Amino acid sequence: MARAQVIDIELERERELRVVYDDGVTCAFPLLELRRACPCATCRGRRDADQPAYGGAVISALGAELQGNWGISIEWSDGHSTGIYPWDHLRAWWDAGLDGEYARRE
């Protein structure tokens, strides 16, 4: 089975990242959950040590940048910007129900 391709992206800087895939699925990722699940080495290391990657309650996105055709990086209001969120990982997380378990496994 071919993986779904991203056909549209919309960043609502105070609320969510929406990703539309060519199989008709639209995923809406709350920014706070994305920040807590940051895939960068520093944040993953913190989660591996049972520490939060982000401990604040409010976050916004200052901007975002496509990383080729495989993902997106987000510049966060807390100054963090090193995580790249691959489209395949975001889709798998969405399909798993956004319960946080997928993000912790990464």
PDB file of N, CA and C in Angstrom:
ATOM      1  N   MET A   1       0.841  -1.180   0.000  1.00  0.00           N
ATOM      2  CA  MET A   1       0.000   0.000   0.000  1.00  0.00           C
ATOM      3  C   MET A   1       0.885   1.243   0.000  1.00  0.00           C
ATOM      4  N   ALA A   2       0.599   2.182  -0.907  1.00  0.00           N
ATOM      5  CA  ALA A   2       1.364   3.416  -0.987  1.00  0.00           C
ATOM      6  C   ALA A   2       1.002   4.329   0.176  1.00  0.00           C
ATOM      7  N   ARG A   3       1.991   5.028   0.668  1.00  0.00           N
ATOM      8  CA  ARG A   3       1.704   5.945   1.769  1.00  0.00           C
ATOM      9  C   ARG A   3       1.008   7.185   1.236  1.00  0.00           C
ATOM     10  N   ALA A   4       0.203   7.785   2.071  1.00  0.00           N
ATOM     11  CA  ALA A   4      -0.540   8.987   1.694  1.00  0.00           C
ATOM     12  C   ALA A   4       0.426  10.161   1.571  1.00  0.00           C
ATOM     13  N   GLN A   5       0.181  11.002   0.600  1.00  0.00           N
ATOM     14  CA  GLN A   5       0.998  12.189   0.359  1.00  0.00           C
ATOM     15  C   GLN A   5       0.286  13.423   0.905  1.00  0.00           C
ATOM     16  N   VAL A   6       1.054  14.366   1.398  1.00  0.00           N
ATOM     17  CA  VAL A   6       0.513  15.629   1.894  1.00  0.00           C
ATOM     18  C   VAL A   6       0.156  16.507   0.697  1.00  0.00           C
ATOM     19  N   ILE A   7      -1.074  17.047   0.726  1.00  0.00           N
ATOM     20  CA  ILE A   7      -1.485  17.934  -0.364  1.00  0.00           C
ATOM     21  C   ILE A   7      -1.774  19.356   0.114  1.00  0.00           C
ATOM     22  N   ASP A   8      -1.919  19.557   1.425  1.00  0.00           N
ATOM     23  CA  ASP A   8      -2.148  20.901   1.941  1.00  0.00           C
ATOM     24  C   ASP A   8      -1.730  20.964   3.404  1.00  0.00           C
ATOM     25  N   ILE A   9      -1.236  22.125   3.806  1.00  0.00           N
ATOM     26  CA  ILE A   9      -0.787  22.362   5.179  1.00  0.00           C
ATOM     27  C   ILE A   9      -1.280  23.744   5.588  1.00  0.00           C
ATOM     28  N   GLU A  10      -1.815  23.846   6.791  1.00  0.00           N
ATOM     29  CA  GLU A  10      -2.218  25.149   7.317  1.00  0.00           C
ATOM     30  C   GLU A  10      -1.808  25.227   8.785  1.00  0.00           C
ATOM     31  N   LEU A  11      -1.061  26.267   9.109  1.00  0.00           N
ATOM     32  CA  LEU A  11      -0.631  26.494  10.484  1.00  0.00           C
ATOM     33  C   LEU A  11      -1.445  27.631  11.071  1.00  0.00           C
ATOM     34  N   GLU A  12      -2.246  27.321  12.064  1.00  0.00           N
ATOM     35  CA  GLU A  12      -2.963  28.344  12.826  1.00  0.00           C
ATOM     36  C   GLU A  12      -2.085  28.604  14.044  1.00  0.00           C
ATOM     37  N   ARG A  13      -1.350  29.684  14.041  1.00  0.00           N
ATOM     38  CA  ARG A  13      -0.241  29.933  14.964  1.00  0.00           C
ATOM     39  C   ARG A  13      -0.575  29.881  16.448  1.00  0.00           C
ATOM     40  N   GLU A  14      -1.810  30.082  16.804  1.00  0.00           N
ATOM     41  CA  GLU A  14      -2.200  30.041  18.214  1.00  0.00           C
ATOM     42  C   GLU A  14      -2.908  28.739  18.588  1.00  0.00           C
ATOM     43  N   ARG A  15      -3.150  27.864  17.594  1.00  0.00           N
ATOM     44  CA  ARG A  15      -4.018  26.728  17.903  1.00  0.00           C
ATOM     45  C   ARG A  15      -3.548  25.365  17.397  1.00  0.00           C
ATOM     46  N   GLU A  16      -3.328  25.232  16.071  1.00  0.00           N
ATOM     47  CA  GLU A  16      -3.076  23.893  15.540  1.00  0.00           C
ATOM     48  C   GLU A  16      -2.383  23.918  14.185  1.00  0.00           C
ATOM     49  N   LEU A  17      -1.855  22.750  13.841  1.00  0.00           N
ATOM     50  CA  LEU A  17      -1.312  22.483  12.519  1.00  0.00           C
ATOM     51  C   LEU A  17      -2.256  21.499  11.848  1.00  0.00           C
ATOM     52  N   ARG A  18      -2.778  21.879  10.670  1.00  0.00           N
ATOM     53  CA  ARG A  18      -3.660  20.983   9.918  1.00  0.00           C
ATOM     54  C   ARG A  18      -2.906  20.470   8.699  1.00  0.00           C
ATOM     55  N   VAL A  19      -2.977  19.166   8.511  1.00  0.00           N
ATOM     56  CA  VAL A  19      -2.314  18.515   7.387  1.00  0.00           C
ATOM     57  C   VAL A  19      -3.369  17.707   6.644  1.00  0.00           C
ATOM     58  N   VAL A  20      -3.464  17.933   5.339  1.00  0.00           N
ATOM     59  CA  VAL A  20      -4.410  17.216   4.503  1.00  0.00           C
ATOM     60  C   VAL A  20      -3.621  16.236   3.632  1.00  0.00           C
ATOM     61  N   TYR A  21      -4.044  14.987   3.669  1.00  0.00           N
ATOM     62  CA  TYR A  21      -3.408  13.938   2.878  1.00  0.00           C
ATOM     63  C   TYR A  21      -4.258  13.605   1.659  1.00  0.00           C
ATOM     64  N   ASP A  22      -3.629  13.066   0.618  1.00  0.00           N
ATOM     65  CA  ASP A  22      -4.337  12.800  -0.631  1.00  0.00           C
ATOM     66  C   ASP A  22      -5.334  11.650  -0.560  1.00  0.00           C
ATOM     67  N   ASP A  23      -5.402  10.966   0.570  1.00  0.00           N
ATOM     68  CA  ASP A  23      -6.422   9.925   0.726  1.00  0.00           C
ATOM     69  C   ASP A  23      -7.683  10.468   1.395  1.00  0.00           C
ATOM     70  N   GLY A  24      -7.752  11.806   1.537  1.00  0.00           N
ATOM     71  CA  GLY A  24      -8.935  12.446   2.078  1.00  0.00           C
ATOM     72  C   GLY A  24      -8.911  12.699   3.570  1.00  0.00           C
ATOM     73  N   VAL A  25      -7.856  12.300   4.264  1.00  0.00           N
ATOM     74  CA  VAL A  25      -7.768  12.478   5.713  1.00  0.00           C
ATOM     75  C   VAL A  25      -7.158  13.847   6.025  1.00  0.00           C
ATOM     76  N   THR A  26      -7.834  14.588   6.897  1.00  0.00           N
ATOM     77  CA  THR A  26      -7.320  15.855   7.405  1.00  0.00           C
ATOM     78  C   THR A  26      -6.989  15.659   8.873  1.00  0.00           C
ATOM     79  N   CYS A  27      -5.750  15.939   9.236  1.00  0.00           N
ATOM     80  CA  CYS A  27      -5.275  15.782  10.613  1.00  0.00           C
ATOM     81  C   CYS A  27      -5.105  17.170  11.226  1.00  0.00           C
ATOM     82  N   ALA A  28      -5.610  17.354  12.430  1.00  0.00           N
ATOM     83  CA  ALA A  28      -5.486  18.625  13.145  1.00  0.00           C
ATOM     84  C   ALA A  28      -4.718  18.377  14.435  1.00  0.00           C
ATOM     85  N   PHE A  29      -3.485  18.835  14.481  1.00  0.00           N
ATOM     86  CA  PHE A  29      -2.607  18.599  15.627  1.00  0.00           C
ATOM     87  C   PHE A  29      -2.572  19.828  16.525  1.00  0.00           C
ATOM     88  N   PRO A  30      -3.046  19.717  17.767  1.00  0.00           N
ATOM     89  CA  PRO A  30      -2.956  20.846  18.699  1.00  0.00           C
ATOM     90  C   PRO A  30      -1.490  21.224  18.928  1.00  0.00           C
ATOM     91  N   LEU A  31      -1.204  22.514  18.924  1.00  0.00           N
ATOM     92  CA  LEU A  31       0.189  22.954  19.053  1.00  0.00           C
ATOM     93  C   LEU A  31       0.838  22.497  20.350  1.00  0.00           C
ATOM     94  N   LEU A  32       0.102  22.515  21.447  1.00  0.00           N
ATOM     95  CA  LEU A  32       0.689  22.093  22.711  1.00  0.00           C
ATOM     96  C   LEU A  32       1.149  20.638  22.640  1.00  0.00           C
ATOM     97  N   GLU A  33       0.342  19.779  22.025  1.00  0.00           N
ATOM     98  CA  GLU A  33       0.733  18.368  21.889  1.00  0.00           C
ATOM     99  C   GLU A  33       1.929  18.218  20.966  1.00  0.00           C
ATOM    100  N   LEU A  34       1.974  18.985  19.884  1.00  0.00           N
ATOM    101  CA  LEU A  34       3.135  18.931  18.991  1.00  0.00           C
ATOM    102  C   LEU A  34       4.405  19.358  19.715  1.00  0.00           C
ATOM    103  N   ARG A  35       4.307  20.449  20.490  1.00  0.00           N
ATOM    104  CA  ARG A  35       5.503  20.924  21.209  1.00  0.00           C
ATOM    105  C   ARG A  35       5.965  19.881  22.220  1.00  0.00           C
ATOM    106  N   ARG A  36       5.048  19.282  22.946  1.00  0.00           N
ATOM    107  CA  ARG A  36       5.418  18.265  23.933  1.00  0.00           C
ATOM    108  C   ARG A  36       6.013  17.023  23.282  1.00  0.00           C
ATOM    109  N   ALA A  37       5.636  16.761  22.020  1.00  0.00           N
ATOM    110  CA  ALA A  37       6.121  15.576  21.310  1.00  0.00           C
ATOM    111  C   ALA A  37       7.277  15.903  20.361  1.00  0.00           C
ATOM    112  N   CYS A  38       7.929  17.028  20.555  1.00  0.00           N
ATOM    113  CA  CYS A  38       9.016  17.426  19.663  1.00  0.00           C
ATOM    114  C   CYS A  38       9.973  16.256  19.440  1.00  0.00           C
ATOM    115  N   PRO A  39      10.298  15.966  18.170  1.00  0.00           N
ATOM    116  CA  PRO A  39      11.149  14.819  17.872  1.00  0.00           C
ATOM    117  C   PRO A  39      12.651  15.091  17.903  1.00  0.00           C
ATOM    118  N   CYS A  40      13.081  16.285  18.284  1.00  0.00           N
ATOM    119  CA  CYS A  40      14.522  16.564  18.287  1.00  0.00           C
ATOM    120  C   CYS A  40      15.231  15.737  19.362  1.00  0.00           C
ATOM    121  N   ALA A  41      16.532  15.603  19.228  1.00  0.00           N
ATOM    122  CA  ALA A  41      17.323  14.784  20.149  1.00  0.00           C
ATOM    123  C   ALA A  41      17.227  15.286  21.591  1.00  0.00           C
ATOM    124  N   THR A  42      17.231  16.583  21.795  1.00  0.00           N
ATOM    125  CA  THR A  42      17.163  17.132  23.149  1.00  0.00           C
ATOM    126  C   THR A  42      15.837  16.776  23.813  1.00  0.00           C
ATOM    127  N   CYS A  43      14.742  16.997  23.110  1.00  0.00           N
ATOM    128  CA  CYS A  43      13.416  16.712  23.688  1.00  0.00           C
ATOM    129  C   CYS A  43      13.215  15.211  23.869  1.00  0.00           C
ATOM    130  N   ARG A  44      13.677  14.414  22.930  1.00  0.00           N
ATOM    131  CA  ARG A  44      13.566  12.962  23.085  1.00  0.00           C
ATOM    132  C   ARG A  44      14.362  12.492  24.298  1.00  0.00           C
ATOM    133  N   GLY A  45      15.552  13.068  24.491  1.00  0.00           N
ATOM    134  CA  GLY A  45      16.364  12.722  25.647  1.00  0.00           C
ATOM    135  C   GLY A  45      15.672  13.081  26.957  1.00  0.00           C
ATOM    136  N   ARG A  46      15.018  14.219  26.980  1.00  0.00           N
ATOM    137  CA  ARG A  46      14.284  14.621  28.188  1.00  0.00           C
ATOM    138  C   ARG A  46      13.151  13.633  28.470  1.00  0.00           C
ATOM    139  N   ARG A  47      12.405  13.261  27.426  1.00  0.00           N
ATOM    140  CA  ARG A  47      11.311  12.298  27.633  1.00  0.00           C
ATOM    141  C   ARG A  47      11.854  10.940  28.068  1.00  0.00           C
ATOM    142  N   ASP A  48      12.984  10.527  27.497  1.00  0.00           N
ATOM    143  CA  ASP A  48      13.600   9.253  27.893  1.00  0.00           C
ATOM    144  C   ASP A  48      14.007   9.261  29.361  1.00  0.00           C
ATOM    145  N   ALA A  49      14.324  10.449  29.891  1.00  0.00           N
ATOM    146  CA  ALA A  49      14.696  10.601  31.297  1.00  0.00           C
ATOM    147  C   ALA A  49      13.482  10.924  32.169  1.00  0.00           C
ATOM    148  N   ASP A  50      12.283  10.693  31.623  1.00  0.00           N
ATOM    149  CA  ASP A  50      11.025  10.963  32.321  1.00  0.00           C
ATOM    150  C   ASP A  50      10.873  12.422  32.731  1.00  0.00           C
ATOM    151  N   GLN A  51      11.413  13.314  31.916  1.00  0.00           N
ATOM    152  CA  GLN A  51      11.236  14.745  32.107  1.00  0.00           C
ATOM    153  C   GLN A  51      10.406  15.277  30.950  1.00  0.00           C
ATOM    154  N   PRO A  52       9.627  16.301  31.178  1.00  0.00           N
ATOM    155  CA  PRO A  52       8.832  16.838  30.074  1.00  0.00           C
ATOM    156  C   PRO A  52       9.712  17.561  29.054  1.00  0.00           C
ATOM    157  N   ALA A  53       9.387  17.403  27.783  1.00  0.00           N
ATOM    158  CA  ALA A  53      10.099  18.140  26.739  1.00  0.00           C
ATOM    159  C   ALA A  53       9.705  19.614  26.777  1.00  0.00           C
ATOM    160  N   TYR A  54       8.470  19.865  27.224  1.00  0.00           N
ATOM    161  CA  TYR A  54       7.970  21.224  27.368  1.00  0.00           C
ATOM    162  C   TYR A  54       7.011  21.233  28.539  1.00  0.00           C
ATOM    163  N   GLY A  55       7.236  22.117  29.482  1.00  0.00           N
ATOM    164  CA  GLY A  55       6.428  22.107  30.686  1.00  0.00           C
ATOM    165  C   GLY A  55       5.407  23.213  30.790  1.00  0.00           C
ATOM    166  N   GLY A  56       5.383  24.097  29.798  1.00  0.00           N
ATOM    167  CA  GLY A  56       4.443  25.206  29.867  1.00  0.00           C
ATOM    168  C   GLY A  56       3.040  24.804  29.453  1.00  0.00           C
ATOM    169  N   ALA A  57       2.111  25.672  29.730  1.00  0.00           N
ATOM    170  CA  ALA A  57       0.708  25.400  29.400  1.00  0.00           C
ATOM    171  C   ALA A  57       0.276  26.112  28.132  1.00  0.00           C
ATOM    172  N   VAL A  58       0.984  27.150  27.720  1.00  0.00           N
ATOM    173  CA  VAL A  58       0.604  27.927  26.544  1.00  0.00           C
ATOM    174  C   VAL A  58       1.794  27.966  25.592  1.00  0.00           C
ATOM    175  N   ILE A  59       1.515  27.735  24.327  1.00  0.00           N
ATOM    176  CA  ILE A  59       2.568  27.778  23.311  1.00  0.00           C
ATOM    177  C   ILE A  59       1.942  28.285  22.022  1.00  0.00           C
ATOM    178  N   SER A  60       2.734  28.949  21.222  1.00  0.00           N
ATOM    179  CA  SER A  60       2.279  29.340  19.894  1.00  0.00           C
ATOM    180  C   SER A  60       3.408  29.083  18.913  1.00  0.00           C
ATOM    181  N   ALA A  61       3.054  29.056  17.648  1.00  0.00           N
ATOM    182  CA  ALA A  61       4.036  28.861  16.592  1.00  0.00           C
ATOM    183  C   ALA A  61       4.337  30.217  15.968  1.00  0.00           C
ATOM    184  N   LEU A  62       5.607  30.562  15.924  1.00  0.00           N
ATOM    185  CA  LEU A  62       5.991  31.824  15.304  1.00  0.00           C
ATOM    186  C   LEU A  62       6.087  31.682  13.792  1.00  0.00           C
ATOM    187  N   GLY A  63       6.337  30.459  13.355  1.00  0.00           N
ATOM    188  CA  GLY A  63       6.462  30.185  11.935  1.00  0.00           C
ATOM    189  C   GLY A  63       6.769  28.716  11.717  1.00  0.00           C
ATOM    190  N   ALA A  64       6.847  28.329  10.461  1.00  0.00           N
ATOM    191  CA  ALA A  64       7.149  26.942  10.112  1.00  0.00           C
ATOM    192  C   ALA A  64       7.878  26.926   8.776  1.00  0.00           C
ATOM    193  N   GLU A  65       8.619  25.853   8.550  1.00  0.00           N
ATOM    194  CA  GLU A  65       9.376  25.718   7.310  1.00  0.00           C
ATOM    195  C   GLU A  65       9.299  24.273   6.841  1.00  0.00           C
ATOM    196  N   LEU A  66       8.997  24.092   5.570  1.00  0.00           N
ATOM    197  CA  LEU A  66       8.981  22.747   5.000  1.00  0.00           C
ATOM    198  C   LEU A  66      10.398  22.196   4.956  1.00  0.00           C
ATOM    199  N   GLN A  67      10.535  20.925   5.221  1.00  0.00           N
ATOM    200  CA  GLN A  67      11.816  20.237   5.154  1.00  0.00           C
ATOM    201  C   GLN A  67      11.736  19.249   3.992  1.00  0.00           C
ATOM    202  N   GLY A  68      12.085  19.738   2.824  1.00  0.00           N
ATOM    203  CA  GLY A  68      11.924  18.935   1.625  1.00  0.00           C
ATOM    204  C   GLY A  68      10.466  18.561   1.465  1.00  0.00           C
ATOM    205  N   ASN A  69      10.211  17.350   1.000  1.00  0.00           N
ATOM    206  CA  ASN A  69       8.827  16.900   0.876  1.00  0.00           C
ATOM    207  C   ASN A  69       8.480  15.881   1.949  1.00  0.00           C
ATOM    208  N   TRP A  70       9.297  15.804   3.009  1.00  0.00           N
ATOM    209  CA  TRP A  70       9.076  14.764   4.020  1.00  0.00           C
ATOM    210  C   TRP A  70       8.684  15.267   5.399  1.00  0.00           C
ATOM    211  N   GLY A  71       8.681  16.579   5.633  1.00  0.00           N
ATOM    212  CA  GLY A  71       8.312  17.033   6.967  1.00  0.00           C
ATOM    213  C   GLY A  71       8.283  18.537   7.104  1.00  0.00           C
ATOM    214  N   ILE A  72       8.097  18.970   8.348  1.00  0.00           N
ATOM    215  CA  ILE A  72       7.989  20.389   8.662  1.00  0.00           C
ATOM    216  C   ILE A  72       8.699  20.668   9.981  1.00  0.00           C
ATOM    217  N   SER A  73       9.342  21.823  10.069  1.00  0.00           N
ATOM    218  CA  SER A  73       9.900  22.273  11.342  1.00  0.00           C
ATOM    219  C   SER A  73       9.110  23.497  11.779  1.00  0.00           C
ATOM    220  N   ILE A  74       8.989  23.652  13.083  1.00  0.00           N
ATOM    221  CA  ILE A  74       8.192  24.748  13.642  1.00  0.00           C
ATOM    222  C   ILE A  74       9.064  25.572  14.574  1.00  0.00           C
ATOM    223  N   GLU A  75       8.966  26.873  14.447  1.00  0.00           N
ATOM    224  CA  GLU A  75       9.642  27.777  15.373  1.00  0.00           C
ATOM    225  C   GLU A  75       8.637  28.123  16.464  1.00  0.00           C
ATOM    226  N   TRP A  76       8.954  27.713  17.685  1.00  0.00           N
ATOM    227  CA  TRP A  76       8.030  27.858  18.814  1.00  0.00           C
ATOM    228  C   TRP A  76       8.255  29.158  19.571  1.00  0.00           C
ATOM    229  N   SER A  77       7.222  29.619  20.254  1.00  0.00           N
ATOM    230  CA  SER A  77       7.288  30.863  21.026  1.00  0.00           C
ATOM    231  C   SER A  77       8.230  30.766  22.226  1.00  0.00           C
ATOM    232  N   ASP A  78       8.609  29.537  22.626  1.00  0.00           N
ATOM    233  CA  ASP A  78       9.561  29.394  23.730  1.00  0.00           C
ATOM    234  C   ASP A  78      11.011  29.405  23.246  1.00  0.00           C
ATOM    235  N   GLY A  79      11.226  29.690  21.949  1.00  0.00           N
ATOM    236  CA  GLY A  79      12.572  29.776  21.396  1.00  0.00           C
ATOM    237  C   GLY A  79      13.083  28.482  20.785  1.00  0.00           C
ATOM    238  N   HIS A  80      12.344  27.403  20.925  1.00  0.00           N
ATOM    239  CA  HIS A  80      12.765  26.103  20.408  1.00  0.00           C
ATOM    240  C   HIS A  80      12.416  25.992  18.927  1.00  0.00           C
ATOM    241  N   SER A  81      13.318  25.378  18.135  1.00  0.00           N
ATOM    242  CA  SER A  81      13.023  25.264  16.704  1.00  0.00           C
ATOM    243  C   SER A  81      13.786  24.141  16.012  1.00  0.00           C
ATOM    244  N   THR A  82      14.333  23.194  16.755  1.00  0.00           N
ATOM    245  CA  THR A  82      15.182  22.184  16.120  1.00  0.00           C
ATOM    246  C   THR A  82      14.473  20.907  15.714  1.00  0.00           C
ATOM    247  N   GLY A  83      13.231  20.711  16.110  1.00  0.00           N
ATOM    248  CA  GLY A  83      12.523  19.479  15.772  1.00  0.00           C
ATOM    249  C   GLY A  83      11.973  19.494  14.359  1.00  0.00           C
ATOM    250  N   ILE A  84      12.095  18.378  13.667  1.00  0.00           N
ATOM    251  CA  ILE A  84      11.486  18.202  12.353  1.00  0.00           C
ATOM    252  C   ILE A  84      10.439  17.106  12.494  1.00  0.00           C
ATOM    253  N   TYR A  85       9.215  17.429  12.132  1.00  0.00           N
ATOM    254  CA  TYR A  85       8.086  16.511  12.242  1.00  0.00           C
ATOM    255  C   TYR A  85       7.846  15.858  10.878  1.00  0.00           C
ATOM    256  N   PRO A  86       8.258  14.607  10.692  1.00  0.00           N
ATOM    257  CA  PRO A  86       8.038  13.930   9.407  1.00  0.00           C
ATOM    258  C   PRO A  86       6.545  13.659   9.171  1.00  0.00           C
ATOM    259  N   TRP A  87       6.101  13.836   7.933  1.00  0.00           N
ATOM    260  CA  TRP A  87       4.694  13.618   7.589  1.00  0.00           C
ATOM    261  C   TRP A  87       4.238  12.213   7.956  1.00  0.00           C
ATOM    262  N   ASP A  88       5.066  11.221   7.685  1.00  0.00           N
ATOM    263  CA  ASP A  88       4.686   9.835   8.004  1.00  0.00           C
ATOM    264  C   ASP A  88       4.470   9.642   9.497  1.00  0.00           C
ATOM    265  N   HIS A  89       5.319  10.250  10.318  1.00  0.00           N
ATOM    266  CA  HIS A  89       5.171  10.122  11.768  1.00  0.00           C
ATOM    267  C   HIS A  89       3.915  10.828  12.259  1.00  0.00           C
ATOM    268  N   LEU A  90       3.664  12.014  11.703  1.00  0.00           N
ATOM    269  CA  LEU A  90       2.450  12.728  12.096  1.00  0.00           C
ATOM    270  C   LEU A  90       1.209  11.918  11.724  1.00  0.00           C
ATOM    271  N   ARG A  91       1.218  11.330  10.543  1.00  0.00           N
ATOM    272  CA  ARG A  91       0.054  10.550  10.126  1.00  0.00           C
ATOM    273  C   ARG A  91      -0.118   9.314  11.002  1.00  0.00           C
ATOM    274  N   ALA A  92       0.970   8.636  11.331  1.00  0.00           N
ATOM    275  CA  ALA A  92       0.883   7.461  12.199  1.00  0.00           C
ATOM    276  C   ALA A  92       0.380   7.849  13.583  1.00  0.00           C
ATOM    277  N   TRP A  93       0.821   8.990  14.089  1.00  0.00           N
ATOM    278  CA  TRP A  93       0.362   9.478  15.389  1.00  0.00           C
ATOM    279  C   TRP A  93      -1.141   9.764  15.333  1.00  0.00           C
ATOM    280  N   TRP A  94      -1.578  10.416  14.259  1.00  0.00           N
ATOM    281  CA  TRP A  94      -3.001  10.702  14.079  1.00  0.00           C
ATOM    282  C   TRP A  94      -3.795   9.406  14.028  1.00  0.00           C
ATOM    283  N   ASP A  95      -3.339   8.463  13.218  1.00  0.00           N
ATOM    284  CA  ASP A  95      -4.045   7.189  13.069  1.00  0.00           C
ATOM    285  C   ASP A  95      -4.102   6.411  14.382  1.00  0.00           C
ATOM    286  N   ALA A  96      -3.107   6.633  15.266  1.00  0.00           N
ATOM    287  CA  ALA A  96      -3.076   5.957  16.566  1.00  0.00           C
ATOM    288  C   ALA A  96      -3.995   6.637  17.583  1.00  0.00           C
ATOM    289  N   GLY A  97      -4.564   7.789  17.221  1.00  0.00           N
ATOM    290  CA  GLY A  97      -5.534   8.441  18.095  1.00  0.00           C
ATOM    291  C   GLY A  97      -5.014   9.632  18.873  1.00  0.00           C
ATOM    292  N   LEU A  98      -3.821  10.127  18.582  1.00  0.00           N
ATOM    293  CA  LEU A  98      -3.256  11.289  19.281  1.00  0.00           C
ATOM    294  C   LEU A  98      -3.256  11.120  20.796  1.00  0.00           C
ATOM    295  N   ASP A  99      -3.123   9.895  21.258  1.00  0.00           N
ATOM    296  CA  ASP A  99      -3.146   9.659  22.704  1.00  0.00           C
ATOM    297  C   ASP A  99      -1.800   9.889  23.365  1.00  0.00           C
ATOM    298  N   GLY A 100      -0.820  10.291  22.596  1.00  0.00           N
ATOM    299  CA  GLY A 100       0.493  10.567  23.158  1.00  0.00           C
ATOM    300  C   GLY A 100       1.428   9.371  23.151  1.00  0.00           C
ATOM    301  N   GLU A 101       0.887   8.165  23.062  1.00  0.00           N
ATOM    302  CA  GLU A 101       1.732   6.973  23.088  1.00  0.00           C
ATOM    303  C   GLU A 101       2.672   6.922  21.880  1.00  0.00           C
ATOM    304  N   TYR A 102       2.180   7.264  20.721  1.00  0.00           N
ATOM    305  CA  TYR A 102       3.026   7.226  19.520  1.00  0.00           C
ATOM    306  C   TYR A 102       4.181   8.192  19.674  1.00  0.00           C
ATOM    307  N   ALA A 103       3.897   9.384  20.159  1.00  0.00           N
ATOM    308  CA  ALA A 103       4.944  10.387  20.311  1.00  0.00           C
ATOM    309  C   ALA A 103       5.998   9.941  21.295  1.00  0.00           C
ATOM    310  N   ARG A 104       5.616   9.255  22.349  1.00  0.00           N
ATOM    311  CA  ARG A 104       6.594   8.805  23.347  1.00  0.00           C
ATOM    312  C   ARG A 104       7.462   7.673  22.824  1.00  0.00           C
ATOM    313  N   ARG A 105       6.970   6.900  21.855  1.00  0.00           N
ATOM    314  CA  ARG A 105       7.754   5.792  21.304  1.00  0.00           C
ATOM    315  C   ARG A 105       8.840   6.289  20.379  1.00  0.00           C
ATOM    316  N   GLU A 106       8.665   7.445  19.808  1.00  0.00           N
ATOM    317  CA  GLU A 106       9.615   7.956  18.813  1.00  0.00           C
ATOM    318  C   GLU A 106      10.943   8.297  19.429  1.00  0.00           C
TER     319      GLU A 106
END
